[in-house]
N, C-alpha and C. Protein backbone atom coordinates (compact mmCIF):
# COMPACT_ATOMS: atom_id res chain seq x y z
N MET A 1 -5.79 0.36 4.70
CA MET A 1 -6.27 1.43 3.94
C MET A 1 -6.73 0.80 2.50
N ASP A 2 -7.63 1.35 1.67
CA ASP A 2 -7.57 0.69 0.85
C ASP A 2 -6.91 1.04 -0.40
N ILE A 3 -6.61 -0.31 -1.43
CA ILE A 3 -5.49 -0.01 -2.29
C ILE A 3 -5.43 1.35 -2.97
N PHE A 4 -6.82 2.10 -3.52
CA PHE A 4 -6.51 3.28 -4.41
C PHE A 4 -6.12 4.14 -3.55
N SER A 5 -6.30 4.47 -2.65
CA SER A 5 -5.88 5.38 -1.60
C SER A 5 -3.93 5.23 -1.49
N HIS A 6 -3.70 4.15 -1.30
CA HIS A 6 -2.28 3.84 -1.12
C HIS A 6 -1.39 4.35 -2.53
N GLY A 7 -2.03 4.13 -3.82
CA GLY A 7 -1.78 4.46 -5.00
C GLY A 7 -1.57 6.03 -5.41
N LEU A 8 -2.92 6.32 -4.48
CA LEU A 8 -2.74 8.12 -4.80
C LEU A 8 -2.06 8.44 -3.91
N TYR A 9 -1.84 8.07 -2.66
CA TYR A 9 -0.43 8.60 -1.81
C TYR A 9 1.10 8.34 -2.37
N GLY A 10 0.76 7.44 -2.89
CA GLY A 10 2.03 7.17 -3.35
C GLY A 10 2.20 7.74 -4.61
N GLY A 11 1.67 8.08 -5.47
CA GLY A 11 1.65 8.85 -6.65
C GLY A 11 2.04 10.46 -6.35
N VAL A 12 1.33 10.78 -5.35
CA VAL A 12 1.56 12.54 -4.81
C VAL A 12 2.74 12.58 -4.26
N ALA A 13 3.03 11.96 -3.22
CA ALA A 13 3.95 12.07 -2.65
C ALA A 13 5.52 11.68 -3.33
N PHE A 14 5.56 10.68 -4.24
CA PHE A 14 6.79 10.64 -4.83
C PHE A 14 6.95 10.43 -6.40
N GLY A 15 5.81 10.62 -6.91
CA GLY A 15 5.73 10.37 -8.88
C GLY A 15 5.60 11.65 -9.03
N ARG A 16 5.74 12.95 -8.79
CA ARG A 16 5.29 14.59 -9.17
C ARG A 16 5.87 15.02 -10.58
N MET A 17 7.10 14.29 -10.84
CA MET A 17 8.16 14.94 -11.44
C MET A 17 7.53 14.73 -13.03
N SER A 18 6.89 13.34 -13.08
CA SER A 18 6.59 13.33 -14.69
C SER A 18 5.38 12.25 -14.47
N ARG A 19 4.66 11.87 -15.64
CA ARG A 19 3.33 11.33 -15.54
C ARG A 19 4.12 10.02 -15.33
N ARG A 20 5.64 9.26 -16.18
CA ARG A 20 6.05 8.08 -15.68
C ARG A 20 6.33 7.48 -14.28
N ASP A 21 6.78 8.89 -13.79
CA ASP A 21 7.13 8.83 -11.85
C ASP A 21 5.95 8.66 -11.30
N TYR A 22 4.83 9.59 -11.77
CA TYR A 22 3.82 9.20 -10.62
C TYR A 22 3.30 7.73 -11.25
N ILE A 23 3.25 7.25 -12.36
CA ILE A 23 2.41 5.63 -12.25
C ILE A 23 3.53 4.64 -11.77
N THR A 24 4.57 5.05 -11.72
CA THR A 24 5.40 3.81 -11.15
C THR A 24 5.06 4.02 -9.54
N ALA A 25 5.28 5.29 -8.90
CA ALA A 25 4.95 5.46 -7.53
C ALA A 25 3.65 5.14 -7.41
N PHE A 26 3.02 5.23 -8.43
CA PHE A 26 1.10 4.57 -7.86
C PHE A 26 1.24 3.36 -7.68
N LEU A 27 1.82 2.42 -8.49
CA LEU A 27 1.92 1.28 -8.68
C LEU A 27 2.73 0.42 -7.47
N PHE A 28 3.49 1.14 -7.34
CA PHE A 28 4.56 0.53 -5.96
C PHE A 28 3.94 1.00 -4.86
N GLY A 29 2.61 1.88 -4.74
CA GLY A 29 2.03 2.07 -3.86
C GLY A 29 0.91 1.51 -3.08
N ILE A 30 0.55 0.21 -4.56
CA ILE A 30 -0.72 -0.48 -4.73
C ILE A 30 0.08 -2.08 -4.41
N ALA A 31 1.27 -1.93 -4.79
CA ALA A 31 2.09 -2.94 -4.84
C ALA A 31 1.74 -4.32 -3.62
N PRO A 32 1.78 -3.76 -2.35
CA PRO A 32 2.10 -4.82 -1.16
C PRO A 32 0.36 -5.39 -1.22
N ASP A 33 -0.39 -4.75 -1.53
CA ASP A 33 -1.58 -5.33 -1.56
C ASP A 33 -2.15 -6.39 -2.79
N LEU A 34 -1.65 -5.80 -4.04
CA LEU A 34 -1.71 -6.22 -4.86
C LEU A 34 -1.13 -7.37 -5.21
N LEU A 35 -0.16 -7.51 -4.68
CA LEU A 35 0.73 -8.38 -4.34
C LEU A 35 -0.16 -9.70 -3.98
N ALA A 36 -0.45 -9.44 -2.43
CA ALA A 36 -0.91 -10.37 -1.58
C ALA A 36 -2.46 -10.68 -2.39
N PHE A 37 -2.70 -9.82 -2.27
CA PHE A 37 -4.81 -10.23 -2.45
C PHE A 37 -4.99 -10.16 -4.68
N GLY A 38 -4.23 -9.93 -5.33
CA GLY A 38 -4.30 -10.16 -6.55
C GLY A 38 -5.04 -11.14 -6.99
N THR A 39 -4.64 -12.05 -6.65
CA THR A 39 -5.04 -13.70 -7.77
C THR A 39 -6.24 -13.72 -6.77
N LEU A 40 -6.24 -13.72 -5.29
CA LEU A 40 -7.26 -14.21 -4.80
C LEU A 40 -8.46 -12.97 -5.27
N PHE A 41 -8.56 -11.98 -5.25
CA PHE A 41 -9.19 -10.50 -5.95
C PHE A 41 -9.82 -11.40 -7.48
N ILE A 42 -9.31 -11.74 -8.30
CA ILE A 42 -9.42 -12.09 -9.31
C ILE A 42 -10.17 -13.25 -9.35
N THR A 43 -9.92 -14.35 -8.60
CA THR A 43 -10.22 -15.71 -8.60
C THR A 43 -11.86 -15.26 -7.58
N SER A 44 -12.37 -14.70 -7.24
CA SER A 44 -13.33 -14.61 -5.86
C SER A 44 -14.01 -13.94 -7.19
N LEU A 45 -13.39 -12.52 -8.08
CA LEU A 45 -14.41 -11.93 -9.18
C LEU A 45 -15.31 -13.26 -9.78
N ILE A 46 -14.51 -13.50 -10.44
CA ILE A 46 -14.73 -14.91 -11.63
C ILE A 46 -15.42 -16.20 -10.87
N SER A 47 -15.28 -16.54 -9.52
CA SER A 47 -16.54 -17.67 -9.24
C SER A 47 -17.41 -17.34 -8.72
N THR A 48 -17.23 -16.15 -7.81
CA THR A 48 -18.48 -15.45 -6.80
C THR A 48 -18.96 -14.29 -7.99
N GLY A 49 -18.39 -13.69 -8.27
CA GLY A 49 -19.41 -12.24 -9.19
C GLY A 49 -19.08 -11.43 -8.44
N THR A 50 -18.71 -11.38 -6.80
CA THR A 50 -18.51 -10.16 -5.94
C THR A 50 -16.89 -10.17 -5.58
N MET A 51 -16.85 -8.44 -4.79
CA MET A 51 -15.72 -8.16 -4.14
C MET A 51 -15.56 -7.45 -3.24
N GLY A 52 -16.37 -7.90 -2.05
CA GLY A 52 -16.48 -7.72 -0.92
C GLY A 52 -15.42 -8.59 0.05
N ARG A 53 -14.90 -7.98 1.07
CA ARG A 53 -14.30 -8.71 2.59
C ARG A 53 -14.48 -10.12 1.97
N PRO A 54 -13.69 -11.26 1.92
CA PRO A 54 -14.02 -12.70 2.41
C PRO A 54 -13.27 -12.60 3.50
N ASN A 55 -14.53 -14.10 4.10
CA ASN A 55 -14.36 -14.63 5.30
C ASN A 55 -12.71 -15.04 5.32
N LEU A 56 -12.07 -14.79 6.66
CA LEU A 56 -10.67 -15.09 6.77
C LEU A 56 -10.45 -16.81 6.73
N GLU A 57 -11.49 -17.68 6.74
CA GLU A 57 -11.72 -18.86 6.64
C GLU A 57 -11.27 -19.41 5.23
N SER A 58 -11.82 -18.59 4.51
CA SER A 58 -11.97 -19.07 3.15
C SER A 58 -10.56 -17.96 2.31
N ILE A 59 -9.79 -17.84 2.97
CA ILE A 59 -8.65 -17.51 2.21
C ILE A 59 -7.21 -18.14 2.23
N PRO A 60 -6.92 -18.24 1.20
CA PRO A 60 -5.88 -19.47 1.12
C PRO A 60 -4.46 -19.25 1.82
N SER A 61 -3.92 -20.07 2.56
CA SER A 61 -2.89 -19.84 3.15
C SER A 61 -1.80 -18.77 2.62
N TYR A 62 -1.53 -19.33 1.33
CA TYR A 62 -0.43 -18.16 0.90
C TYR A 62 -0.02 -17.02 0.66
N VAL A 63 -1.82 -16.77 0.97
CA VAL A 63 -1.73 -15.48 0.89
C VAL A 63 -1.51 -14.50 2.20
N PHE A 64 -1.69 -15.22 3.15
CA PHE A 64 -0.99 -14.52 4.27
C PHE A 64 0.63 -14.98 4.54
N SER A 65 1.19 -15.67 3.74
CA SER A 65 2.35 -15.63 3.35
C SER A 65 3.24 -14.43 2.75
N VAL A 66 2.71 -14.29 1.62
CA VAL A 66 2.44 -13.13 0.87
C VAL A 66 2.13 -11.66 1.43
N TYR A 67 1.17 -11.74 2.00
CA TYR A 67 0.94 -10.40 3.09
C TYR A 67 2.25 -10.27 3.68
N ASP A 68 2.89 -11.37 4.66
CA ASP A 68 3.63 -10.88 5.47
C ASP A 68 4.91 -10.36 4.61
N PHE A 69 5.27 -11.16 3.76
CA PHE A 69 6.50 -10.33 2.64
C PHE A 69 6.28 -9.04 1.95
N SER A 70 4.80 -9.02 1.64
CA SER A 70 4.86 -7.60 1.05
C SER A 70 4.77 -6.55 2.30
N HIS A 71 4.11 -6.58 3.18
CA HIS A 71 4.30 -5.75 4.16
C HIS A 71 5.21 -5.75 5.28
N SER A 72 6.29 -6.10 5.14
CA SER A 72 7.83 -5.70 5.95
C SER A 72 8.48 -4.88 5.44
N LEU A 73 8.66 -4.31 6.22
CA LEU A 73 9.74 -3.21 6.24
C LEU A 73 11.07 -3.66 5.67
N VAL A 74 11.04 -4.69 6.69
CA VAL A 74 12.42 -5.47 6.51
C VAL A 74 12.67 -5.82 5.39
N VAL A 75 11.81 -6.65 4.51
CA VAL A 75 11.99 -6.64 3.00
C VAL A 75 12.15 -5.94 1.99
N TYR A 76 11.06 -4.71 2.45
CA TYR A 76 11.51 -3.61 1.57
C TYR A 76 12.84 -3.01 1.76
N ALA A 77 13.53 -2.64 3.06
CA ALA A 77 14.56 -2.15 3.09
C ALA A 77 16.00 -3.01 2.44
N VAL A 78 15.91 -4.30 2.36
CA VAL A 78 16.80 -5.23 1.59
C VAL A 78 16.69 -4.53 -0.35
N PHE A 79 15.18 -4.42 -0.66
CA PHE A 79 14.99 -4.31 -1.99
C PHE A 79 15.80 -3.03 -2.28
N PHE A 80 15.40 -1.87 -1.38
CA PHE A 80 15.84 -0.98 -1.65
C PHE A 80 17.49 -0.65 -1.65
N ALA A 81 18.05 -1.33 -0.94
CA ALA A 81 19.10 -1.28 -0.57
C ALA A 81 19.81 -2.17 -1.82
N ILE A 82 19.55 -3.06 -2.16
CA ILE A 82 19.53 -3.58 -3.65
C ILE A 82 19.83 -2.59 -4.71
N LEU A 83 18.62 -1.59 -4.83
CA LEU A 83 18.45 -1.33 -5.67
C LEU A 83 19.32 0.07 -5.79
N TRP A 84 19.74 0.56 -4.73
CA TRP A 84 20.33 1.76 -4.73
C TRP A 84 21.63 1.58 -4.93
N PHE A 85 22.22 0.48 -4.27
CA PHE A 85 23.62 -0.26 -4.50
C PHE A 85 24.19 -0.48 -6.36
N PHE A 86 23.14 -0.73 -7.22
CA PHE A 86 23.25 -1.07 -8.64
C PHE A 86 23.41 0.04 -8.87
N GLY A 87 22.96 1.53 -8.77
CA GLY A 87 22.84 2.56 -9.11
C GLY A 87 21.45 2.85 -9.58
N TYR A 88 20.43 2.50 -9.24
CA TYR A 88 18.96 2.65 -9.71
C TYR A 88 18.48 3.36 -8.40
N LYS A 89 19.30 4.86 -8.49
CA LYS A 89 18.36 5.80 -7.36
C LYS A 89 17.62 6.64 -7.28
N HIS A 90 17.43 6.98 -8.52
CA HIS A 90 15.96 7.45 -9.00
C HIS A 90 14.94 6.49 -8.75
N PHE A 91 14.58 5.44 -9.59
CA PHE A 91 13.76 3.96 -9.39
C PHE A 91 13.53 3.94 -8.09
N ALA A 92 14.85 3.82 -7.04
CA ALA A 92 14.50 3.24 -5.63
C ALA A 92 13.65 4.82 -4.82
N LYS A 93 14.28 5.92 -5.43
CA LYS A 93 12.88 6.44 -4.80
C LYS A 93 11.57 6.70 -4.73
N LEU A 94 11.30 6.08 -6.49
CA LEU A 94 10.02 6.04 -6.49
C LEU A 94 9.37 4.58 -6.00
N THR A 95 10.13 3.90 -5.59
CA THR A 95 9.54 2.41 -4.62
C THR A 95 9.31 3.18 -3.36
N LEU A 96 9.55 4.30 -3.07
CA LEU A 96 9.72 4.63 -1.23
C LEU A 96 7.94 4.77 -0.89
N ALA A 97 6.85 4.84 -2.28
CA ALA A 97 5.71 4.57 -2.32
C ALA A 97 5.50 2.79 -1.14
N TRP A 98 6.31 2.22 -1.42
CA TRP A 98 6.29 0.96 -1.14
C TRP A 98 6.28 0.80 0.46
N PRO A 99 6.90 1.42 1.23
CA PRO A 99 7.09 1.47 3.07
C PRO A 99 5.92 2.81 3.29
N LEU A 100 5.55 3.54 2.43
CA LEU A 100 4.33 4.49 2.51
C LEU A 100 3.32 3.80 2.98
N HIS A 101 2.88 2.85 1.88
CA HIS A 101 1.77 1.75 1.88
C HIS A 101 1.97 1.26 3.25
N ILE A 102 3.12 0.63 3.84
CA ILE A 102 3.24 0.05 4.92
C ILE A 102 2.70 0.74 6.48
N LEU A 103 3.68 1.98 6.33
CA LEU A 103 3.32 2.60 7.42
C LEU A 103 2.07 3.40 7.58
N VAL A 104 1.12 3.53 6.67
CA VAL A 104 -0.10 3.89 6.83
C VAL A 104 -1.04 2.54 6.94
N ASP A 105 -0.88 1.78 6.52
CA ASP A 105 -1.40 0.25 7.06
C ASP A 105 -1.28 0.20 8.23
N ILE A 106 -0.12 0.59 9.12
CA ILE A 106 0.14 0.00 10.58
C ILE A 106 -0.88 0.61 11.33
N PRO A 107 -1.23 1.67 11.66
CA PRO A 107 -2.42 2.19 12.51
C PRO A 107 -3.70 2.04 11.70
N THR A 108 -3.99 1.67 10.07
CA THR A 108 -5.36 1.75 10.19
C THR A 108 -5.89 0.15 9.43
N HIS A 109 -5.10 -0.83 10.51
CA HIS A 109 -5.92 -2.23 10.39
C HIS A 109 -5.60 -2.84 11.48
N ASP A 110 -7.22 -3.06 11.80
CA ASP A 110 -7.21 -3.78 13.41
C ASP A 110 -6.77 -5.24 13.02
N ALA A 111 -6.91 -5.54 14.72
CA ALA A 111 -6.26 -6.85 14.25
C ALA A 111 -7.21 -8.01 14.27
N THR A 112 -8.48 -7.80 13.93
CA THR A 112 -8.98 -9.03 13.28
C THR A 112 -8.95 -9.41 11.76
N PHE A 113 -8.62 -8.35 11.05
CA PHE A 113 -8.16 -8.92 9.54
C PHE A 113 -6.97 -8.16 8.91
N PHE A 114 -5.92 -8.95 8.95
CA PHE A 114 -4.30 -8.88 8.22
C PHE A 114 -3.63 -7.83 9.14
N PRO A 115 -3.76 -7.72 10.34
CA PRO A 115 -2.91 -6.63 10.76
C PRO A 115 -1.44 -6.44 10.47
N THR A 116 -0.72 -5.60 10.29
CA THR A 116 0.14 -5.42 9.27
C THR A 116 1.29 -5.95 10.36
N PRO A 117 2.57 -7.04 9.23
CA PRO A 117 3.50 -7.39 10.27
C PRO A 117 4.96 -6.73 9.83
N PHE A 118 4.98 -5.02 9.87
CA PHE A 118 5.70 -4.71 9.31
C PHE A 118 7.43 -5.05 9.55
N LEU A 119 7.45 -6.02 10.97
CA LEU A 119 9.08 -6.13 11.04
C LEU A 119 9.02 -7.87 10.73
N TRP A 120 8.41 -8.13 9.79
CA TRP A 120 8.59 -9.61 9.35
C TRP A 120 10.24 -9.87 8.61
N PRO A 121 10.04 -10.97 8.91
CA PRO A 121 10.71 -11.85 9.73
C PRO A 121 11.26 -11.84 10.73
N ILE A 122 11.73 -10.96 11.19
CA ILE A 122 12.32 -10.66 12.75
C ILE A 122 11.36 -11.01 14.00
N SER A 123 10.34 -10.42 13.65
CA SER A 123 9.23 -10.50 14.71
C SER A 123 8.05 -10.32 13.77
N ASP A 124 6.69 -10.85 14.67
CA ASP A 124 5.52 -11.03 14.20
C ASP A 124 4.73 -9.57 14.92
N PHE A 125 5.47 -9.08 15.77
CA PHE A 125 4.91 -8.19 16.21
C PHE A 125 3.86 -6.94 15.36
N HIS A 126 2.66 -6.70 15.96
CA HIS A 126 1.92 -5.79 15.09
C HIS A 126 1.19 -4.65 16.00
N ILE A 127 0.53 -3.69 15.19
CA ILE A 127 -0.18 -2.85 15.97
C ILE A 127 -2.18 -2.91 15.77
N TYR A 128 -2.36 -2.66 17.15
CA TYR A 128 -4.03 -3.45 16.98
C TYR A 128 -4.72 -1.94 16.56
N GLY A 129 -4.58 -1.86 15.00
CA GLY A 129 -5.00 -0.38 14.90
C GLY A 129 -6.17 -0.52 14.65
N VAL A 130 -6.76 1.12 14.28
CA VAL A 130 -8.39 1.14 13.70
C VAL A 130 -8.99 0.87 12.44
N SER A 131 -9.23 -0.14 11.68
CA SER A 131 -9.70 -0.34 10.42
C SER A 131 -10.00 1.05 9.67
N TRP A 132 -9.50 0.82 8.73
CA TRP A 132 -9.67 1.81 7.74
C TRP A 132 -10.86 2.29 6.97
N GLY A 133 -11.78 1.46 7.00
CA GLY A 133 -13.48 1.57 6.97
C GLY A 133 -13.80 2.40 7.64
N HIS A 134 -13.23 2.87 9.10
CA HIS A 134 -14.59 3.23 10.01
C HIS A 134 -14.04 4.58 10.03
N PRO A 135 -15.27 5.50 10.00
CA PRO A 135 -15.50 6.81 9.57
C PRO A 135 -14.11 7.59 10.00
N MET A 136 -14.10 7.61 11.27
CA MET A 136 -13.03 8.18 12.19
C MET A 136 -11.23 8.19 10.84
N ILE A 137 -11.19 7.26 10.28
CA ILE A 137 -10.18 6.98 9.54
C ILE A 137 -9.99 7.67 8.11
N PHE A 138 -11.84 6.75 7.38
CA PHE A 138 -11.93 6.90 5.88
C PHE A 138 -12.73 8.40 5.50
N ILE A 139 -13.42 9.13 6.23
CA ILE A 139 -13.56 10.09 6.22
C ILE A 139 -12.50 11.33 6.05
N PRO A 140 -11.39 11.76 7.10
CA PRO A 140 -10.36 12.28 7.23
C PRO A 140 -9.10 11.78 5.75
N ASN A 141 -9.13 10.42 5.76
CA ASN A 141 -8.54 9.77 4.48
C ASN A 141 -8.98 10.48 2.57
N ILE A 142 -10.00 10.60 2.59
CA ILE A 142 -10.69 10.88 1.57
C ILE A 142 -10.51 12.95 1.15
N ILE A 143 -10.60 13.57 2.51
CA ILE A 143 -10.47 15.16 2.91
C ILE A 143 -8.94 15.01 2.74
N LEU A 144 -7.92 14.20 3.32
CA LEU A 144 -6.64 14.46 3.18
C LEU A 144 -5.98 14.40 1.20
N LEU A 145 -6.71 13.15 0.98
CA LEU A 145 -5.99 13.34 -0.41
C LEU A 145 -7.20 14.00 -1.12
N LEU A 146 -8.35 14.25 -0.97
CA LEU A 146 -8.59 15.47 -2.15
C LEU A 146 -8.10 16.95 -1.53
N SER A 147 -7.34 17.33 -0.26
CA SER A 147 -5.98 18.46 -0.64
C SER A 147 -5.21 18.50 -1.16
N LEU A 148 -4.50 17.22 -0.99
CA LEU A 148 -2.80 16.78 -1.60
C LEU A 148 -3.38 17.13 -2.95
N TYR A 149 -4.49 16.81 -3.65
CA TYR A 149 -4.14 16.74 -5.21
C TYR A 149 -4.68 17.89 -5.41
N LEU A 150 -5.72 18.72 -5.00
CA LEU A 150 -5.97 19.91 -5.23
C LEU A 150 -4.55 20.77 -4.94
N TYR A 151 -4.17 20.90 -3.91
CA TYR A 151 -2.67 21.47 -3.93
C TYR A 151 -1.63 21.51 -5.14
N TRP A 152 -1.42 19.86 -5.10
CA TRP A 152 -0.31 19.52 -6.14
C TRP A 152 -1.41 20.40 -7.74
N TYR A 153 -2.29 20.35 -7.77
CA TYR A 153 -2.86 20.66 -9.12
C TYR A 153 -2.64 22.15 -9.22
N THR A 154 -3.10 23.02 -7.97
CA THR A 154 -3.20 24.32 -8.43
C THR A 154 -1.36 25.03 -8.19
N ARG A 155 -0.63 24.11 -7.64
CA ARG A 155 0.87 24.11 -7.77
C ARG A 155 1.66 24.23 -9.20
N ARG A 156 1.06 23.39 -9.57
CA ARG A 156 1.61 22.82 -11.26
C ARG A 156 1.12 24.00 -12.00
N ARG A 157 -0.54 24.57 -11.78
CA ARG A 157 -1.21 25.46 -12.88
C ARG A 157 0.01 27.11 -12.63
N LYS A 158 0.16 27.18 -11.98
CA LYS A 158 1.03 28.06 -11.22
C LYS A 158 2.45 28.17 -12.16
N TRP A 159 3.04 26.79 -12.04
CA TRP A 159 4.12 26.81 -12.89
C TRP A 159 4.25 27.07 -14.38
């Protein structure tokens, strides 16, 4: 799934109470990809002036390691447990946009480009999904996002 869709899903799912909550949930929705690809994206943009999909051979090895870490439900569960244990319950709920990102990525990443290692470091198991860029995924994604935000907008106006 594209990074902006992840943020929009996170925001609408977990950040509807206030603008601050929305921004926090949006950021946690994009966090797994931002952590893994943020530096690569910026350096690629500066050096080549392009924003396209890079070749796997040109991606530094640290990106794969950070991707494994940031796309792991196991890592997230530890993070969530720590927040909850120390009493940051409201903040912990906003971070649920992070595992939502992972759950959406599992079926929308094919095996050729960053399949989602959601059980890392316990297992490297991943699903051979359909790329989010495929019309079968991309078009319903746009329709669902528009529907969710239209519903949210109309509900807020009624209040």
